[in-house]
Protein backbone atom coordinates (compact mmCIF):
# COMPACT_ATOMS: atom_id res chain seq x y z
CA MET A 1 80.18 99.56 101.47
CA THR A 2 81.55 99.26 104.99
CA THR A 3 83.87 96.72 106.21
CA GLU A 4 81.15 94.75 108.08
CA HIS A 5 78.89 94.12 105.06
CA VAL A 6 77.30 90.76 104.27
CA LEU A 7 75.69 89.68 101.00
CA PHE A 8 73.00 87.09 101.79
CA VAL A 9 71.60 85.22 98.75
CA ASP A 10 68.64 82.76 98.99
CA ASP A 11 65.65 82.26 96.72
CA GLU A 12 63.39 81.70 99.74
CA GLU A 13 61.99 85.04 101.04
CA HIS A 14 61.44 83.90 104.74
CA LEU A 15 65.02 82.64 104.95
CA ARG A 16 66.22 86.09 103.72
CA LEU A 17 63.97 87.91 106.15
CA SER A 18 65.24 85.78 108.99
CA ALA A 19 68.95 86.33 108.00
CA GLU A 20 68.37 90.23 107.76
CA GLN A 21 66.94 90.22 111.22
CA THR A 22 69.60 87.97 112.75
CA LEU A 23 72.52 89.85 111.15
CA GLY A 24 71.00 93.33 111.76
CA LEU A 25 70.65 92.57 115.56
CA ALA A 26 74.31 91.73 115.44
CA ASP A 27 75.09 95.34 114.15
CA LEU A 28 76.09 93.91 110.87
CA ASP A 29 75.07 95.57 107.48
CA VAL A 30 73.39 93.17 105.15
CA THR A 31 72.02 93.10 101.66
CA SER A 32 69.76 90.24 100.96
CA LEU A 33 69.17 89.00 97.35
CA SER A 34 67.02 86.34 95.66
CA ASP A 35 69.23 86.10 92.69
CA ALA A 36 72.83 85.06 92.28
CA GLU A 37 73.43 87.23 89.21
CA ALA A 38 72.56 90.26 91.12
CA ALA A 39 74.94 89.36 93.97
CA LEU A 40 77.80 89.22 91.32
CA GLY A 41 77.24 92.91 90.72
CA HIS A 42 78.35 93.61 94.23
CA VAL A 43 81.49 91.66 94.29
CA SER A 44 84.85 93.08 93.42
CA ARG A 45 88.64 92.68 94.53
CA ASN A 46 88.03 95.77 96.87
CA PHE A 47 84.54 94.62 98.05
CA ALA A 48 84.98 94.93 101.91
CA GLY A 49 82.47 92.13 102.92
CA VAL A 50 81.48 88.45 102.51
CA LEU A 51 79.02 86.40 100.74
CA VAL A 52 76.54 83.87 102.27
CA THR A 53 74.66 81.85 99.75
CA ASP A 54 72.44 78.83 99.47
CA ILE A 55 73.75 76.08 97.39
CA ARG A 56 70.46 75.02 95.70
CA MET A 57 68.66 77.78 93.98
CA GLY A 58 66.89 78.26 90.60
CA GLY A 59 68.98 79.77 87.91
CA MET A 60 72.58 80.12 88.96
CA ASP A 61 73.11 77.89 92.00
CA GLY A 62 75.37 78.73 94.89
CA LEU A 63 78.32 76.61 93.66
CA THR A 64 78.41 78.53 90.41
CA LEU A 65 78.10 81.80 92.22
CA MET A 66 80.98 80.85 94.48
CA GLN A 67 83.16 79.86 91.41
CA ARG A 68 82.34 83.20 89.69
CA CYS A 69 83.18 85.09 92.81
CA LEU A 70 86.48 83.34 93.30
CA GLU A 71 87.43 84.13 89.70
CA ILE A 72 87.01 87.81 90.48
CA ASP A 73 88.98 87.47 93.83
CA PRO A 74 90.45 84.06 94.84
CA GLU A 75 90.58 85.27 98.53
CA PHE A 76 86.92 86.37 98.69
CA PRO A 77 85.14 84.63 101.62
CA VAL A 78 82.15 82.47 100.57
CA ILE A 79 79.90 80.76 103.19
CA LEU A 80 77.68 78.08 101.70
CA VAL A 81 74.33 77.21 103.03
CA THR A 82 73.58 73.46 102.63
CA GLY A 83 70.45 71.42 102.99
CA HIS A 84 70.34 68.16 105.02
CA GLY A 85 72.35 65.54 103.19
CA ASP A 86 74.65 67.96 101.44
CA VAL A 87 77.44 67.97 103.91
CA GLU A 88 79.69 65.77 101.80
CA LEU A 89 79.25 68.11 98.92
CA ALA A 90 79.76 71.16 101.20
CA VAL A 91 83.14 69.66 102.43
CA GLN A 92 84.23 69.29 98.77
CA THR A 93 83.36 72.86 98.03
CA MET A 94 85.72 73.92 100.93
CA ARG A 95 88.45 72.13 99.10
CA ASP A 96 87.45 74.17 96.11
CA GLY A 97 87.81 77.55 97.96
CA ALA A 98 84.70 78.01 100.17
CA TYR A 99 85.36 79.70 103.37
CA ASP A 100 82.92 77.65 105.43
CA PHE A 101 79.38 76.09 105.26
CA LEU A 102 76.28 76.09 107.47
CA GLU A 103 73.94 73.24 107.45
CA LYS A 104 70.14 73.97 107.62
CA PRO A 105 68.55 74.50 110.03
CA TYR A 106 71.33 76.56 111.61
CA ALA A 107 71.23 78.53 114.97
CA PRO A 108 71.18 82.23 114.49
CA ILE A 109 74.31 82.57 116.74
CA ARG A 110 76.17 80.12 114.39
CA LEU A 111 75.31 82.44 111.46
CA VAL A 112 76.70 85.49 113.16
CA GLU A 113 79.83 83.77 114.46
CA THR A 114 80.71 82.42 110.99
CA VAL A 115 80.06 85.76 109.41
CA ARG A 116 82.16 87.53 111.83
CA ARG A 117 85.12 85.25 111.37
CA ALA A 118 84.91 85.64 107.64
CA LEU A 119 84.59 89.43 107.96
CA ASP A 120 87.91 89.29 110.05
CA LYS A 121 89.60 87.35 107.43
CA ARG A 122 88.35 89.69 104.69
CA ARG A 123 89.59 92.76 106.49
CA LEU A 124 93.07 91.25 106.94
CA THR A 125 93.25 90.28 103.42
CA LEU A 126 92.38 93.80 102.27
CA GLU A 127 94.90 95.34 104.79
CA ASN A 128 97.57 93.10 103.57
CA ARG A 129 96.91 94.22 99.93
CA VAL A 130 97.19 97.89 100.81
CA LEU A 131 100.49 97.25 102.77
CA ARG A 132 101.93 95.32 99.92
CA ALA A 133 100.92 98.14 97.52
CA GLN A 134 102.60 100.53 99.83
CA VAL A 135 105.86 98.49 99.99
CA GLY A 136 105.96 97.81 96.13
CA GLY A 137 103.60 100.25 94.66
CA ARG A 138 104.09 103.04 92.21
CA ASP A 139 104.93 105.73 94.92
CA PRO A 140 108.43 104.74 96.00
CA ILE A 141 108.52 107.34 98.65
CA GLU A 142 105.28 106.73 100.60
CA GLY A 143 105.80 102.97 100.28
CA ARG A 144 109.12 103.27 102.13
CA LEU A 145 108.57 106.14 104.46
CA THR A 146 105.20 105.49 106.01
CA GLY A 147 103.37 107.84 108.53
CA ARG A 148 100.85 110.52 108.41
CA SER A 149 102.22 112.87 111.01
CA GLU A 150 102.87 116.45 109.85
CA MET A 151 106.69 115.85 109.88
CA MET A 152 106.51 112.67 107.71
CA ILE A 153 104.23 114.33 105.25
CA ALA A 154 106.67 117.23 105.03
CA LEU A 155 109.71 114.82 104.81
CA ARG A 156 108.07 112.94 101.79
CA GLN A 157 107.37 116.26 100.01
CA GLN A 158 110.99 117.38 100.59
CA ILE A 159 112.25 114.12 99.16
CA ARG A 160 110.04 114.28 96.14
CA ALA A 161 111.18 117.77 95.35
CA VAL A 162 114.84 116.88 95.79
CA ALA A 163 114.55 113.68 93.66
CA GLN A 164 113.85 115.59 90.67
CA THR A 165 117.09 117.59 90.86
CA GLU A 166 120.78 116.47 90.65
CA ALA A 167 121.64 118.13 93.98
CA ASP A 168 123.91 116.06 96.29
CA VAL A 169 122.09 115.38 99.65
CA LEU A 170 123.15 114.98 103.28
CA ILE A 171 120.77 112.83 105.39
CA VAL A 172 121.12 113.41 109.19
CA GLY A 173 119.26 111.43 111.89
CA ALA A 174 119.70 109.33 115.01
CA THR A 175 120.34 105.59 114.76
CA GLY A 176 117.48 103.59 113.35
CA THR A 177 115.48 106.53 111.98
CA GLY A 178 115.75 105.31 108.41
CA LYS A 179 118.48 107.22 106.72
CA GLU A 180 119.21 104.36 104.19
CA VAL A 181 115.50 104.01 103.58
CA ALA A 182 115.20 107.69 102.77
CA ALA A 183 118.27 107.46 100.48
CA ARG A 184 116.81 104.54 98.58
CA ALA A 185 113.51 106.23 98.19
CA LEU A 186 115.16 109.49 96.99
CA HIS A 187 117.08 107.28 94.36
CA ARG A 188 113.88 105.27 93.18
CA ALA A 189 111.98 108.59 92.75
CA SER A 190 114.87 110.15 90.67
CA MET A 191 115.78 110.07 87.06
CA ARG A 192 118.57 107.70 88.00
CA SER A 193 116.18 105.01 89.28
CA GLU A 194 117.04 102.32 86.62
CA ALA A 195 120.82 102.78 87.33
CA PRO A 196 122.78 101.39 90.23
CA PHE A 197 122.23 102.33 93.88
CA VAL A 198 125.56 101.74 95.64
CA HIS A 199 125.62 101.62 99.36
CA ILE A 200 128.96 102.22 100.92
CA ASN A 201 129.20 101.84 104.76
CA CYS A 202 132.19 104.13 105.39
CA ALA A 203 132.65 102.71 108.93
CA ALA A 204 132.81 99.04 107.82
CA LEU A 205 135.57 99.43 105.07
CA PRO A 206 138.91 98.03 106.06
CA ALA A 207 141.35 100.92 106.66
CA ASP A 208 144.03 99.51 104.37
CA LEU A 209 141.70 98.90 101.48
CA ILE A 210 139.31 101.74 101.72
CA GLU A 211 140.86 103.77 98.94
CA SER A 212 140.99 100.80 96.50
CA GLU A 213 137.43 99.96 97.45
CA LEU A 214 136.19 103.40 96.52
CA PHE A 215 138.37 104.33 93.57
CA GLY A 216 139.48 101.09 92.21
CA HIS A 217 142.99 100.13 91.30
CA GLU A 218 145.29 99.10 88.36
CA ALA A 219 147.35 95.89 88.27
CA GLY A 220 150.40 96.21 90.36
CA ALA A 221 149.28 99.31 92.24
CA PHE A 222 150.08 97.50 95.53
CA ALA A 223 151.26 94.05 96.75
CA GLY A 224 148.52 91.60 95.67
CA ALA A 225 146.83 93.70 93.05
CA THR A 226 147.38 91.28 90.33
CA ARG A 227 144.80 92.75 87.89
CA ALA A 228 142.88 95.96 87.55
CA ARG A 229 139.76 96.49 89.56
CA PHE A 230 136.74 98.91 89.28
CA GLY A 231 136.03 100.83 92.51
CA LYS A 232 132.42 101.29 93.91
CA PHE A 233 132.23 104.75 92.38
CA GLU A 234 132.77 103.34 88.89
CA HIS A 235 130.25 100.69 89.61
CA ALA A 236 127.71 103.43 90.35
CA ARG A 237 128.19 105.48 87.10
CA GLY A 238 124.77 106.79 85.98
CA GLY A 239 123.33 106.13 89.44
CA THR A 240 123.60 107.06 93.10
CA VAL A 241 126.39 106.68 95.62
CA PHE A 242 125.16 106.46 99.22
CA LEU A 243 127.94 107.17 101.77
CA ASP A 244 126.62 105.94 105.08
CA GLU A 245 128.37 107.10 108.20
CA ILE A 246 130.34 109.62 106.11
CA ASP A 247 131.86 110.99 109.28
CA SER A 248 133.96 107.78 109.74
CA LEU A 249 136.04 108.56 106.72
CA PRO A 250 139.63 109.33 107.51
CA GLY A 251 140.98 112.87 106.73
CA PRO A 252 143.05 111.82 103.61
CA LEU A 253 140.06 110.13 102.02
CA GLN A 254 137.96 113.01 102.86
CA ALA A 255 140.16 115.22 100.76
CA LYS A 256 140.11 112.74 97.86
CA LEU A 257 136.30 112.43 98.09
CA LEU A 258 135.87 116.32 98.08
CA HIS A 259 137.96 116.35 94.71
CA ALA A 260 135.74 113.68 93.26
CA ILE A 261 132.60 115.52 94.22
CA GLN A 262 133.78 118.87 93.06
CA ASN A 263 135.22 117.82 89.70
CA ARG A 264 133.05 114.54 89.12
CA VAL A 265 136.34 112.66 88.02
CA ILE A 266 138.42 110.03 89.78
CA SER A 267 141.48 108.11 89.12
CA ARG A 268 142.36 104.53 90.12
CA LEU A 269 145.14 103.72 92.35
CA GLY A 270 148.30 103.38 90.25
CA SER A 271 147.06 105.41 87.40
CA ASN A 272 147.01 109.08 86.36
CA GLU A 273 144.15 108.65 84.01
CA LEU A 274 140.91 110.69 84.89
CA ILE A 275 137.65 108.83 84.72
CA ASP A 276 134.54 110.80 84.31
CA LEU A 277 132.11 110.23 87.22
CA ASP A 278 128.42 110.63 86.45
CA VAL A 279 126.85 109.91 89.84
CA ARG A 280 124.76 111.60 92.45
CA PHE A 281 126.12 111.45 96.03
CA ILE A 282 123.95 111.03 99.10
CA ALA A 283 125.86 111.05 102.39
CA ALA A 284 124.37 110.11 105.82
CA SER A 285 125.40 110.78 109.44
CA LYS A 286 124.08 110.31 112.90
CA ARG A 287 126.45 113.02 114.08
CA ASP A 288 126.02 116.79 113.63
CA LEU A 289 128.64 117.30 110.93
CA GLU A 290 128.71 121.03 111.72
CA ASP A 291 129.82 120.29 115.21
CA ALA A 292 132.33 117.86 113.84
CA ALA A 293 133.65 120.39 111.34
CA ALA A 294 133.99 123.02 114.14
CA ARG A 295 136.06 120.53 116.20
CA GLY A 296 138.18 119.81 113.11
CA ASP A 297 137.05 116.17 113.05
CA PHE A 298 135.42 116.71 109.59
CA ARG A 299 136.46 118.80 106.63
CA SER A 300 134.16 121.84 106.52
CA ASP A 301 134.63 122.29 102.69
CA LEU A 302 133.49 118.66 102.20
CA LEU A 303 130.49 119.35 104.34
CA TYR A 304 129.53 122.38 102.30
CA ARG A 305 129.65 120.19 99.11
CA LEU A 306 127.62 117.53 100.62
CA ASN A 307 124.89 119.59 102.19
CA VAL A 308 123.50 121.24 99.22
CA VAL A 309 120.21 119.79 100.66
CA THR A 310 119.98 118.47 104.05
CA ILE A 311 117.23 116.11 105.11
CA ARG A 312 116.64 115.49 108.65
CA MET A 313 115.01 112.24 109.71
CA PRO A 314 112.65 112.53 112.78
CA GLU A 315 112.94 110.25 115.74
CA LEU A 316 109.80 108.17 116.64
CA SER A 317 109.41 110.10 119.86
CA ALA A 318 108.67 113.14 117.73
CA ARG A 319 105.96 111.41 115.56
CA ARG A 320 104.40 109.26 118.05
CA GLU A 321 100.93 109.16 116.37
CA ASP A 322 102.73 107.17 113.59
CA ILE A 323 103.81 104.40 115.80
CA PRO A 324 100.62 102.21 115.94
CA LYS A 325 100.24 102.10 112.13
CA LEU A 326 103.93 101.74 111.56
CA PHE A 327 104.03 98.73 113.88
CA LEU A 328 101.04 97.06 111.99
CA HIS A 329 102.78 97.65 108.73
CA LEU A 330 105.93 96.16 110.01
CA VAL A 331 104.26 93.08 111.54
CA GLN A 332 102.58 92.56 107.99
CA GLU A 333 106.07 92.80 106.33
CA ALA A 334 107.66 90.43 108.83
CA ALA A 335 104.88 87.86 108.46
CA ALA A 336 105.10 87.98 104.65
CA ARG A 337 108.90 87.66 104.92
CA TYR A 338 108.55 84.49 107.17
CA LYS A 339 105.72 83.11 105.11
CA ARG A 340 103.59 83.04 108.17
CA PRO A 341 99.96 84.36 108.64
CA ALA A 342 99.91 87.77 109.96
CA PRO A 343 98.81 87.69 113.73
CA GLU A 344 96.15 90.03 114.98
CA VAL A 345 97.54 92.82 117.06
CA PRO A 346 95.55 93.53 120.25
CA GLY A 347 94.48 97.17 120.94
CA THR A 348 96.09 97.11 124.34
CA LEU A 349 99.37 96.19 122.90
CA LEU A 350 99.21 98.90 120.24
CA ARG A 351 98.41 101.40 122.98
CA THR A 352 101.47 100.24 124.96
CA ILE A 353 103.63 100.37 121.97
CA ALA A 354 102.46 103.92 121.13
CA ALA A 355 103.20 105.16 124.62
CA ARG A 356 106.55 103.58 124.91
CA ASN A 357 109.97 105.16 124.31
CA TRP A 358 111.79 103.73 121.34
CA PRO A 359 115.45 104.84 121.54
CA GLY A 360 116.42 102.62 118.63
CA ASN A 361 113.64 104.26 116.57
CA VAL A 362 112.21 102.39 113.57
CA ARG A 363 114.94 99.89 113.76
CA GLU A 364 114.03 98.86 117.30
CA LEU A 365 110.19 98.90 116.48
CA ARG A 366 110.99 96.61 113.48
CA ASN A 367 112.77 94.12 115.75
CA ALA A 368 109.63 94.23 118.01
CA ALA A 369 107.47 93.61 114.99
CA GLU A 370 109.42 90.61 113.85
CA ARG A 371 109.31 89.00 117.28
CA PHE A 372 105.57 89.45 117.43
CA ALA A 373 105.16 87.96 113.90
CA LEU A 374 107.18 84.92 115.04
CA ASP A 375 105.11 84.67 118.26
CA LEU A 376 108.13 85.49 120.50
CA ASP A 377 107.84 87.50 123.87
CA LEU A 378 108.15 91.16 123.45
CA ASP A 379 108.71 92.34 126.94
CA ILE A 380 107.04 95.71 126.34
CA THR A 381 105.43 97.13 129.40
CA PRO A 382 103.79 100.45 130.17
CA SER A 383 106.58 101.21 132.68
CA ALA A 384 108.81 101.76 129.58
CA ALA A 385 106.67 104.78 128.50
CA ASN A 386 108.52 107.81 127.28
CA THR A 387 109.09 110.59 129.78
CA SER A 388 110.84 113.85 129.22
CA ASP A 389 113.20 115.54 131.64
CA THR A 390 112.13 118.95 130.39
CA ALA A 391 108.43 118.42 129.64
CA SER A 392 105.99 119.46 132.44
CA LEU A 393 103.57 117.03 133.98
CA ALA A 394 100.78 118.34 131.99
CA GLU A 395 102.66 117.88 128.76
CA GLN A 396 103.61 114.39 129.58
CA VAL A 397 100.08 113.42 130.43
CA ALA A 398 98.88 115.08 127.20
CA GLU A 399 101.37 113.10 125.20
CA PHE A 400 100.46 109.97 126.91
CA GLU A 401 96.82 110.46 126.19
CA LYS A 402 97.49 111.26 122.59
CA SER A 403 99.46 108.03 122.08
CA LEU A 404 96.77 105.92 123.82
CA ILE A 405 94.05 107.41 121.59
CA ALA A 406 96.19 106.96 118.41
CA GLY A 407 96.93 103.44 119.45
CA SER A 408 93.29 102.49 119.81
CA ILE A 409 92.18 104.16 116.51
CA SER A 410 94.98 102.24 114.72
CA ALA A 411 93.88 98.98 116.63
CA TYR A 412 90.23 99.27 115.24
CA GLY A 413 91.21 100.43 111.75
CA GLY A 414 89.71 103.81 112.17
CA ARG A 415 86.35 102.67 113.58
CA LEU A 416 85.41 105.33 116.02
CA LYS A 417 82.61 103.39 117.82
CA ASP A 418 84.98 100.58 118.79
CA THR A 419 87.59 103.11 119.76
CA TYR A 420 85.57 105.10 122.29
CA GLU A 421 84.02 101.94 123.80
CA SER A 422 87.45 100.35 124.28
CA LEU A 423 88.69 103.54 125.95
CA GLY A 424 85.57 103.90 128.12
CA ILE A 425 84.66 107.47 127.03
CA SER A 426 81.76 108.85 125.08
CA ARG A 427 81.68 109.49 121.38
CA LYS A 428 81.69 113.23 122.05
CA GLY A 429 84.58 112.89 124.46
CA LEU A 430 86.58 111.12 121.79
CA TYR A 431 85.90 113.78 119.13
CA GLU A 432 87.00 116.40 121.56
CA LYS A 433 90.29 114.74 122.39
CA MET A 434 91.01 113.89 118.76
CA GLN A 435 90.51 117.51 118.04
CA LYS A 436 92.53 118.61 120.92
CA HIS A 437 95.43 116.46 119.81
CA GLY A 438 95.15 117.00 116.18
CA LEU A 439 94.13 113.46 115.32
CA SER A 440 92.06 112.59 112.39
CA ARG A 441 90.30 109.09 111.70
CA GLN A 442 91.72 109.20 108.11
CA ASP A 443 95.19 109.09 109.43
CA PHE A 444 94.60 105.61 110.79
CA THR A 445 92.81 104.02 107.81
CA ASP A 446 94.01 103.10 104.30
CA GLU A 447 91.18 105.32 102.77
CA ASP A 448 92.06 108.10 100.41
């Protein structure tokens, strides 16, 4: 079934034929049925359509049909058709879960408008379910690192492969590219997923307490240490230690960390007792640690221990075709978090967002999505679109064209007819440009 599909149920043939004609002229797919039982066979939680049914019919009536449908899916849109004098009954049924009602005789345009609104609601409901499944579903990697660009597919494949090993990992990427997200996804996909994930921001630790925070201390180890205390490494035993902004660690602590990673043992401050350390280390840096090591700002031997595997997080500008879909995903997340209905994102906005430069990467895009979900001004204009000092004019034009097309396809959920009409080009022209830019309709839908 396509998204725009309507089940129309009425036991009067002339009304079914009239509805078929009205909805067909509005470019809506319709299945007309005389029997409520037959309609139930079409309804499921994944049915991408709506139901229009007469209330008074022989056999199973419309109210019973609605109740049965809402048992299958409480969010399924049901439009009831009432006779004269049934309005009070129809209002009651809306309290019971009906989407809307039409009173006979209704104008054809009223039927079409009501059905289109119900279809929009259904489409949003199904999109929300897919996004929730991505966020909390069985695949801990794709749910956290969304995107269908080649580099994101390769990134997820690398993380899946590394997750099944015990290798320590270094994650490198610019601010806002999702280094912590990648670390958490790696942990969730590993054999250590049920054990703690301990996030340590090395830049935020107090300089005078950093060693105690990481390694713990015994009572009396220093002034104020009235009792023994576990450090963060001990809390993480059996799990994963994520050392964010690892390049911020002072030199003496780098040496002690190297010893812990090499030997998988630590000792608390004020103690000579060695404590076995069963953890996996994941470190992250926005700086190139090889350059830092060459300058003497970072221990090269620690770098070699950390980067058994190096994962590089791509910037948004390198995977621009992912931006529209990612923005929609983040808007849905923000709306759910603030317990607000998810707003519809205009195609023009998605195209602008796709073409814009995002120096703060996903973090900046997330902030924009949250502002949009809260109905606040975004201040996003085409003048902020990305340009490159080294790219030629032809390359910049091609990149801009690609981002506009990607934004439009995302805005219309992969529906190419709406896309090429909104862009003012022919169907053939859209297909040629998609082929030229390596874009696929499937990359902008939730279909397998």
